[in-house]
């Protein structure tokens, strides 16, 4: 491959949004994508739907043009939107090129080692996604070897799993959605629960996300959180399935899903769980109370009437502390993702949690290195489809000035 002034690594929404803004600024560049554009969306399970409302399909210069802005499109429609976006401005993307290493270049700049050969670049933008490496707690390695243990990214549908009950570990959006799907398929489902926020899918006909975008919620910065670790808290429990509906611990319990405390150990065929289900539910209720307070405080200032905000229903928490795994078909881990830069980026440009140390998307450690699409890069919405464009524009302006 020939050397380049600017290389963008990653052909998902972040990389394409950055490319759009670089093109608008007249900056020549190339996007390297290890597979196909929008590959992260392609890899979701078969029944996956957009969790945010359809109007959030809003990349720079390419707003949602459908007729159901408050609905939730399926996975393949998301992929088609990303493909159409790339075509709309002839994004200079080269698919099927894997970047295995980013190193200091000879004489300055960067050396990218790729499946198509090495190349030098003066500026590099890493847009490799907010969710890079599936996280498993240490106890994950203790399950019996004859029991299928997979991460959510390897799940396709209920029929692909061996027969028998299923233990789902993790309680964010993905964990709740897979637990619901498996339960509807007739499986006996056990869900190991932790701390996660929840909220109603809709309030007076508008999606909760739409309401929250009328407040400062999506513009909150990392410094607004109680600690940097707080950015790893699960997303609000909900789903876009079947048009979108509430999906949280109370809904799953009413469906017949067995709710458990968080997984603490595995000894042979027996898994043990902490007696903390009630505390996890209380945590989610407290976060919904926070959102209610935010809506009540900020909506009137915009001239909006506060919708009716439901109080949590009573919850019964008497879970077993041990489950016999004999006869189980699978364990599915949905315990979140962590950054994976340190595996292939050979610069000390990251904090103790693996997140890039940067200001407005520009590394404060390595000149010429930029990031887009990182969770809480600048704001809560930085990794989201309708939020990434703001960061992409800032990064593109900075590169153009260089």
Protein backbone atom coordinates (compact mmCIF):
# COMPACT_ATOMS: atom_id res chain seq x y z
CA UNK A 1 0.00 0.00 0.00
CA UNK A 2 1.14 3.54 -0.69
CA UNK A 3 1.80 6.02 2.10
CA UNK A 4 -0.94 8.48 3.04
CA UNK A 5 -1.22 11.81 4.77
CA UNK A 6 -4.38 10.79 6.70
CA UNK A 7 -5.64 7.29 7.48
CA UNK A 8 -8.93 6.49 9.20
CA UNK A 9 -9.08 3.02 10.76
CA UNK A 10 -12.60 1.63 10.91
CA UNK A 11 -15.49 1.77 8.42
CA UNK A 12 -18.41 1.97 10.81
CA UNK A 13 -20.49 5.00 11.66
CA UNK A 14 -17.60 6.81 13.37
CA UNK A 15 -15.11 6.28 10.54
CA UNK A 16 -17.65 7.18 7.86
CA UNK A 17 -18.78 10.31 9.71
CA UNK A 18 -15.15 11.39 10.04
CA UNK A 19 -14.58 10.69 6.34
CA UNK A 20 -17.62 12.77 5.42
CA UNK A 21 -16.30 15.72 7.39
CA UNK A 22 -12.75 15.32 6.08
CA UNK A 23 -14.09 15.24 2.51
CA UNK A 24 -16.11 18.39 3.17
CA UNK A 25 -12.91 20.07 4.42
CA UNK A 26 -10.98 18.99 1.31
CA UNK A 27 -8.66 16.64 3.20
CA UNK A 28 -7.57 13.59 1.20
CA UNK A 29 -7.65 10.37 3.21
CA UNK A 30 -8.42 6.67 3.11
CA UNK A 31 -10.56 4.46 5.37
CA UNK A 32 -9.25 0.99 6.17
CA UNK A 33 -11.95 -1.48 7.18
CA UNK A 34 -11.00 -5.03 8.12
CA UNK A 35 -14.28 -6.46 6.87
CA UNK A 36 -17.21 -4.50 5.37
CA UNK A 37 -18.68 -1.12 6.20
CA UNK A 38 -21.01 -1.35 9.19
CA UNK A 39 -19.55 -4.70 10.21
CA UNK A 40 -20.45 -4.29 13.88
CA UNK A 41 -24.12 -4.01 12.96
CA UNK A 42 -23.86 -6.99 10.60
CA UNK A 43 -22.56 -9.08 13.50
CA UNK A 44 -25.59 -8.56 15.74
CA UNK A 45 -27.94 -11.47 16.37
CA UNK A 46 -30.65 -12.27 13.82
CA UNK A 47 -33.58 -10.48 15.49
CA UNK A 48 -31.62 -7.41 16.59
CA UNK A 49 -33.38 -4.08 16.21
CA UNK A 50 -32.25 -0.50 16.70
CA UNK A 51 -32.62 0.26 20.40
CA UNK A 52 -32.86 4.02 19.92
CA UNK A 53 -35.70 5.46 17.79
CA UNK A 54 -35.29 5.57 14.03
CA UNK A 55 -34.76 9.34 13.88
CA UNK A 56 -31.37 8.71 15.50
CA UNK A 57 -30.17 7.32 12.16
CA UNK A 58 -28.71 10.76 11.60
CA UNK A 59 -25.11 10.72 10.38
CA UNK A 60 -23.66 14.01 9.01
CA UNK A 61 -25.48 15.06 5.86
CA UNK A 62 -27.69 11.97 5.84
CA UNK A 63 -30.72 12.27 8.17
CA UNK A 64 -33.33 9.57 8.60
CA UNK A 65 -35.77 9.71 5.68
CA UNK A 66 -38.30 7.07 6.67
CA UNK A 67 -41.89 7.43 7.86
CA UNK A 68 -41.57 5.99 11.37
CA UNK A 69 -39.19 8.23 13.33
CA UNK A 70 -40.24 6.85 16.73
CA UNK A 71 -40.06 3.21 15.58
CA UNK A 72 -37.15 0.75 15.64
CA UNK A 73 -35.76 -0.75 12.43
CA UNK A 74 -34.25 -4.26 12.27
CA UNK A 75 -30.56 -5.02 11.91
CA UNK A 76 -30.46 -5.34 8.14
CA UNK A 77 -32.11 -1.93 7.68
CA UNK A 78 -29.40 -0.38 9.87
CA UNK A 79 -26.75 -1.99 7.67
CA UNK A 80 -28.45 -0.68 4.53
CA UNK A 81 -28.54 2.83 6.01
CA UNK A 82 -24.79 2.71 6.70
CA UNK A 83 -24.11 1.36 3.19
CA UNK A 84 -26.22 4.11 1.62
CA UNK A 85 -24.38 6.66 3.70
CA UNK A 86 -20.99 5.49 2.44
CA UNK A 87 -22.27 5.60 -1.14
CA UNK A 88 -23.80 9.06 -0.70
CA UNK A 89 -20.41 10.77 -0.65
CA UNK A 90 -18.29 8.05 -2.28
CA UNK A 91 -16.42 7.33 0.95
CA UNK A 92 -12.82 6.33 0.14
CA UNK A 93 -13.07 3.07 2.01
CA UNK A 94 -10.97 -0.01 1.36
CA UNK A 95 -12.71 -3.07 2.71
CA UNK A 96 -11.03 -6.30 3.74
CA UNK A 97 -7.86 -4.65 5.07
CA UNK A 98 -7.00 -5.49 8.66
CA UNK A 99 -4.70 -3.17 10.59
CA UNK A 100 -2.75 -5.42 12.95
CA UNK A 101 -0.40 -2.83 14.44
CA UNK A 102 -0.01 0.93 14.80
CA UNK A 103 3.58 1.92 15.62
CA UNK A 104 5.86 4.98 15.55
CA UNK A 105 6.96 5.61 12.00
CA UNK A 106 10.53 6.11 10.87
CA UNK A 107 11.20 9.81 10.90
CA UNK A 108 7.96 10.64 12.70
CA UNK A 109 4.32 9.95 12.02
CA UNK A 110 2.87 6.46 12.14
CA UNK A 111 3.52 3.03 10.69
CA UNK A 112 0.45 0.90 10.05
CA UNK A 113 1.02 -2.79 9.50
CA UNK A 114 -1.89 -4.16 7.52
CA UNK A 115 -2.96 -7.30 5.72
CA UNK A 116 -2.21 -5.45 2.47
CA UNK A 117 1.26 -4.32 3.50
CA UNK A 118 2.80 -1.54 5.55
CA UNK A 119 2.11 2.14 5.06
CA UNK A 120 3.19 5.39 6.66
CA UNK A 121 0.83 8.17 7.64
CA UNK A 122 1.25 11.58 9.24
CA UNK A 123 -2.20 11.55 10.84
CA UNK A 124 -4.29 8.60 12.02
CA UNK A 125 -7.88 8.54 13.23
CA UNK A 126 -8.91 5.46 15.20
CA UNK A 127 -12.63 4.85 14.69
CA UNK A 128 -12.72 1.19 15.64
CA UNK A 129 -15.94 1.30 17.63
CA UNK A 130 -17.14 1.83 21.17
CA UNK A 131 -17.48 -1.89 21.83
CA UNK A 132 -14.21 -3.62 20.99
CA UNK A 133 -13.56 -6.58 23.31
CA UNK A 134 -16.22 -8.65 25.04
CA UNK A 135 -15.70 -8.62 28.80
CA UNK A 136 -15.98 -11.75 30.92
CA UNK A 137 -15.47 -11.84 34.69
CA UNK A 138 -12.73 -14.19 35.92
CA UNK A 139 -15.30 -16.76 37.07
CA UNK A 140 -16.22 -17.39 33.42
CA UNK A 141 -13.37 -19.85 33.04
CA UNK A 142 -14.71 -22.18 35.72
CA UNK A 143 -17.73 -23.54 33.84
CA UNK A 144 -17.69 -27.26 32.90
CA UNK A 145 -15.85 -27.85 29.62
CA UNK A 146 -18.79 -29.71 28.10
CA UNK A 147 -21.12 -26.73 28.59
CA UNK A 148 -21.26 -24.23 25.72
CA UNK A 149 -20.10 -20.80 26.93
CA UNK A 150 -20.30 -17.92 24.43
CA UNK A 151 -20.30 -14.14 24.34
CA UNK A 152 -23.30 -12.20 23.07
CA UNK A 153 -21.47 -11.35 19.85
CA UNK A 154 -21.41 -15.09 19.03
CA UNK A 155 -25.15 -15.53 19.61
CA UNK A 156 -27.32 -15.66 16.48
CA UNK A 157 -30.67 -17.13 17.53
CA UNK A 158 -32.22 -19.47 20.07
CA UNK A 159 -32.28 -22.40 17.66
CA UNK A 160 -28.51 -22.31 17.27
CA UNK A 161 -27.98 -23.17 20.95
CA UNK A 162 -28.02 -26.73 22.28
CA UNK A 163 -31.23 -27.89 23.90
CA UNK A 164 -31.75 -27.14 27.57
CA UNK A 165 -32.04 -24.18 29.93
CA UNK A 166 -29.82 -21.15 29.32
CA UNK A 167 -27.97 -18.99 31.81
CA UNK A 168 -27.56 -15.39 30.63
CA UNK A 169 -24.90 -13.44 32.54
CA UNK A 170 -25.29 -9.68 32.29
CA UNK A 171 -28.23 -7.36 32.63
CA UNK A 172 -27.88 -4.45 30.21
CA UNK A 173 -29.91 -4.08 27.05
CA UNK A 174 -28.37 -7.14 25.40
CA UNK A 175 -28.81 -9.42 28.40
CA UNK A 176 -32.45 -8.48 28.80
CA UNK A 177 -33.15 -8.80 25.07
CA UNK A 178 -31.57 -12.25 24.79
CA UNK A 179 -33.34 -13.42 27.95
CA UNK A 180 -36.66 -12.31 26.46
CA UNK A 181 -35.96 -13.98 23.11
CA UNK A 182 -34.95 -17.27 24.70
CA UNK A 183 -37.95 -17.24 27.02
CA UNK A 184 -40.31 -16.61 24.08
CA UNK A 185 -38.65 -19.55 22.30
CA UNK A 186 -39.75 -21.79 25.13
CA UNK A 187 -36.41 -22.08 26.91
CA UNK A 188 -36.08 -21.99 30.66
CA UNK A 189 -33.99 -18.89 31.24
CA UNK A 190 -31.89 -17.83 34.21
CA UNK A 191 -30.59 -14.25 34.23
CA UNK A 192 -27.65 -13.28 36.45
CA UNK A 193 -28.43 -9.67 37.28
CA UNK A 194 -26.30 -6.70 38.22
CA UNK A 195 -26.75 -2.97 38.40
CA UNK A 196 -28.40 -1.38 35.40
CA UNK A 197 -30.71 1.61 34.86
CA UNK A 198 -34.17 1.20 33.39
CA UNK A 199 -36.94 3.40 32.08
CA UNK A 200 -40.22 3.12 30.17
CA UNK A 201 -39.90 2.72 26.43
CA UNK A 202 -42.37 5.51 25.72
CA UNK A 203 -43.93 8.40 27.57
CA UNK A 204 -47.16 9.74 26.07
CA UNK A 205 -46.31 8.36 22.63
CA UNK A 206 -42.72 9.63 22.43
CA UNK A 207 -39.69 7.45 22.96
CA UNK A 208 -37.77 7.93 26.21
CA UNK A 209 -34.64 8.75 24.19
CA UNK A 210 -36.55 11.50 22.38
CA UNK A 211 -37.56 13.00 25.72
CA UNK A 212 -34.02 12.75 27.10
CA UNK A 213 -32.67 14.57 24.06
CA UNK A 214 -34.77 17.54 25.16
CA UNK A 215 -32.59 17.69 28.28
CA UNK A 216 -28.85 17.88 28.96
CA UNK A 217 -28.62 14.10 29.44
CA UNK A 218 -26.97 13.20 26.14
CA UNK A 219 -24.56 16.12 26.38
CA UNK A 220 -23.20 15.11 29.78
CA UNK A 221 -19.41 14.87 29.82
CA UNK A 222 -17.15 12.42 31.56
CA UNK A 223 -16.42 15.07 34.19
CA UNK A 224 -20.14 15.14 35.05
CA UNK A 225 -20.04 11.51 36.20
CA UNK A 226 -19.21 10.52 39.79
CA UNK A 227 -16.10 8.70 38.52
CA UNK A 228 -14.56 7.62 35.19
CA UNK A 229 -15.58 4.05 36.05
CA UNK A 230 -19.23 5.13 35.89
CA UNK A 231 -19.08 5.23 32.09
CA UNK A 232 -19.03 1.42 32.19
CA UNK A 233 -22.51 1.23 33.77
CA UNK A 234 -24.95 -0.63 31.54
CA UNK A 235 -27.25 1.22 29.16
CA UNK A 236 -30.91 1.71 30.06
CA UNK A 237 -32.76 -1.61 29.92
CA UNK A 238 -35.21 -1.54 27.01
CA UNK A 239 -35.78 -3.03 23.56
CA UNK A 240 -36.84 -2.10 20.04
CA UNK A 241 -38.29 -5.54 19.34
CA UNK A 242 -41.84 -5.69 17.92
CA UNK A 243 -42.00 -1.92 17.64
CA UNK A 244 -40.38 -1.28 21.01
CA UNK A 245 -41.61 -1.97 24.52
CA UNK A 246 -40.58 -1.92 28.16
CA UNK A 247 -38.03 -4.57 29.04
CA UNK A 248 -36.52 -4.63 32.52
CA UNK A 249 -36.37 -6.87 35.57
CA UNK A 250 -40.06 -6.58 36.39
CA UNK A 251 -41.12 -7.41 32.83
CA UNK A 252 -38.77 -10.39 32.64
CA UNK A 253 -39.87 -11.71 36.01
CA UNK A 254 -43.52 -11.52 34.91
CA UNK A 255 -42.59 -13.49 31.77
CA UNK A 256 -41.16 -16.30 33.88
CA UNK A 257 -37.44 -15.58 33.58
CA UNK A 258 -35.59 -16.69 36.73
CA UNK A 259 -33.80 -13.63 38.09
CA UNK A 260 -30.64 -14.17 40.14
CA UNK A 261 -28.03 -12.08 41.88
CA UNK A 262 -24.70 -11.55 40.16
CA UNK A 263 -22.58 -14.61 39.39
CA UNK A 264 -19.91 -15.17 42.05
CA UNK A 265 -18.64 -18.72 41.52
CA UNK A 266 -18.81 -22.02 39.69
CA UNK A 267 -17.92 -25.33 41.33
CA UNK A 268 -18.37 -28.27 39.03
CA UNK A 269 -21.95 -28.22 37.84
CA UNK A 270 -23.14 -25.74 40.47
CA UNK A 271 -23.15 -21.99 39.96
CA UNK A 272 -23.51 -19.64 42.91
CA UNK A 273 -24.94 -16.15 42.98
CA UNK A 274 -24.80 -13.21 45.37
CA UNK A 275 -27.85 -12.28 47.48
CA UNK A 276 -27.98 -8.86 45.87
CA UNK A 277 -30.90 -8.96 43.42
CA UNK A 278 -32.97 -6.55 45.51
CA UNK A 279 -30.07 -4.10 45.66
CA UNK A 280 -29.59 -4.27 41.89
CA UNK A 281 -33.28 -3.54 41.32
CA UNK A 282 -33.09 -0.66 43.79
CA UNK A 283 -30.11 0.75 41.87
CA UNK A 284 -32.11 0.74 38.65
CA UNK A 285 -35.07 2.36 40.40
CA UNK A 286 -32.76 5.10 41.72
CA UNK A 287 -31.46 5.80 38.22
CA UNK A 288 -35.03 6.07 36.91
CA UNK A 289 -35.73 8.51 39.76
CA UNK A 290 -32.71 10.54 38.58
CA UNK A 291 -34.13 10.66 35.06
CA UNK A 292 -37.55 11.66 36.34
CA UNK A 293 -35.99 14.51 38.28
CA UNK A 294 -34.03 15.63 35.22
CA UNK A 295 -37.15 15.65 33.04
CA UNK A 296 -39.15 17.57 35.64
CA UNK A 297 -36.38 20.12 36.01
CA UNK A 298 -35.40 20.77 32.39
CA UNK A 299 -38.47 20.17 30.21
CA UNK A 300 -40.44 23.22 31.48
CA UNK A 301 -37.44 25.45 30.72
CA UNK A 302 -37.90 24.48 27.06
CA UNK A 303 -41.62 25.15 27.16
CA UNK A 304 -42.49 21.45 27.24
CA UNK A 305 -45.08 19.83 29.47
CA UNK A 306 -43.66 17.09 31.66
CA UNK A 307 -45.25 13.74 30.74
CA UNK A 308 -46.65 11.40 33.33
CA UNK A 309 -43.67 9.61 34.86
CA UNK A 310 -44.58 6.21 36.33
CA UNK A 311 -43.31 5.06 39.69
CA UNK A 312 -41.69 1.60 39.91
CA UNK A 313 -44.06 -1.24 40.74
CA UNK A 314 -43.36 -3.40 43.81
CA UNK A 315 -40.72 -6.06 43.24
CA UNK A 316 -40.37 -9.49 44.80
CA UNK A 317 -36.77 -10.66 45.25
CA UNK A 318 -36.30 -14.19 46.61
CA UNK A 319 -33.84 -15.75 44.16
CA UNK A 320 -31.95 -19.00 44.73
CA UNK A 321 -28.30 -18.58 45.61
CA UNK A 322 -27.26 -21.71 43.72
CA UNK A 323 -28.27 -23.30 40.42
CA UNK A 324 -27.47 -26.82 39.23
CA UNK A 325 -26.21 -26.54 35.65
CA UNK A 326 -26.70 -30.20 34.77
CA UNK A 327 -28.75 -30.37 31.58
CA UNK A 328 -28.17 -26.74 30.67
CA UNK A 329 -27.68 -25.99 27.00
CA UNK A 330 -25.53 -22.88 27.19
CA UNK A 331 -24.20 -19.92 29.11
CA UNK A 332 -24.29 -16.57 27.29
CA UNK A 333 -22.13 -13.72 28.62
CA UNK A 334 -23.48 -10.24 27.99
CA UNK A 335 -21.31 -8.47 30.54
CA UNK A 336 -20.27 -5.55 28.40
CA UNK A 337 -17.23 -4.54 26.41
CA UNK A 338 -13.89 -2.94 27.12
CA UNK A 339 -11.44 -0.98 24.94
CA UNK A 340 -8.95 -3.13 23.06
CA UNK A 341 -6.46 -0.55 21.79
CA UNK A 342 -3.50 -1.78 23.82
CA UNK A 343 -3.48 -5.09 21.92
CA UNK A 344 -2.38 -3.41 18.68
CA UNK A 345 -1.69 0.29 19.29
CA UNK A 346 1.90 0.62 20.44
CA UNK A 347 1.71 4.03 22.07
CA UNK A 348 1.15 4.90 25.72
CA UNK A 349 -1.92 6.92 24.87
CA UNK A 350 -4.48 5.32 27.19
CA UNK A 351 -5.65 5.55 30.78
CA UNK A 352 -5.81 2.76 33.36
CA UNK A 353 -9.14 1.56 31.94
CA UNK A 354 -7.81 1.43 28.36
CA UNK A 355 -9.63 4.55 27.15
CA UNK A 356 -7.73 7.13 25.09
CA UNK A 357 -6.37 10.19 26.87
CA UNK A 358 -7.46 13.02 24.62
CA UNK A 359 -8.99 16.46 24.34
CA UNK A 360 -11.74 17.07 21.78
CA UNK A 361 -10.81 13.78 20.13
CA UNK A 362 -7.10 14.60 19.77
CA UNK A 363 -4.61 12.55 21.75
CA UNK A 364 -2.86 14.69 24.36
CA UNK A 365 -0.02 12.15 24.39
CA UNK A 366 0.67 11.42 20.71
CA UNK A 367 0.49 14.34 18.25
CA UNK A 368 -1.39 13.43 15.08
CA UNK A 369 -3.41 10.64 16.69
CA UNK A 370 -7.18 11.12 16.91
CA UNK A 371 -10.17 9.13 18.16
CA UNK A 372 -13.84 9.15 17.14
CA UNK A 373 -16.74 6.95 18.28
CA UNK A 374 -15.43 6.22 21.78
CA UNK A 375 -17.95 5.93 24.61
CA UNK A 376 -17.91 9.27 26.45
CA UNK A 377 -15.11 10.56 24.21
CA UNK A 378 -16.51 14.07 24.62
CA UNK A 379 -20.11 13.48 25.68
CA UNK A 380 -22.51 10.67 26.53
CA UNK A 381 -23.67 10.62 22.90
CA UNK A 382 -20.16 10.43 21.40
CA UNK A 383 -20.47 6.80 20.32
CA UNK A 384 -24.09 6.97 19.20
CA UNK A 385 -25.35 7.19 15.63
CA UNK A 386 -26.71 10.72 15.99
CA UNK A 387 -23.95 11.99 18.27
CA UNK A 388 -20.79 10.87 16.52
CA UNK A 389 -21.06 13.53 13.83
CA UNK A 390 -20.42 16.34 16.28
CA UNK A 391 -17.11 14.79 17.33
CA UNK A 392 -16.22 13.88 13.73
CA UNK A 393 -16.60 17.53 12.68
CA UNK A 394 -14.32 18.72 15.48
CA UNK A 395 -11.65 16.15 14.62
CA UNK A 396 -11.85 16.92 10.91
CA UNK A 397 -11.39 20.65 11.55
CA UNK A 398 -8.37 19.93 13.73
CA UNK A 399 -6.80 17.75 11.04
CA UNK A 400 -7.50 20.32 8.35
CA UNK A 401 -5.73 22.98 10.42
CA UNK A 402 -2.68 20.72 10.79
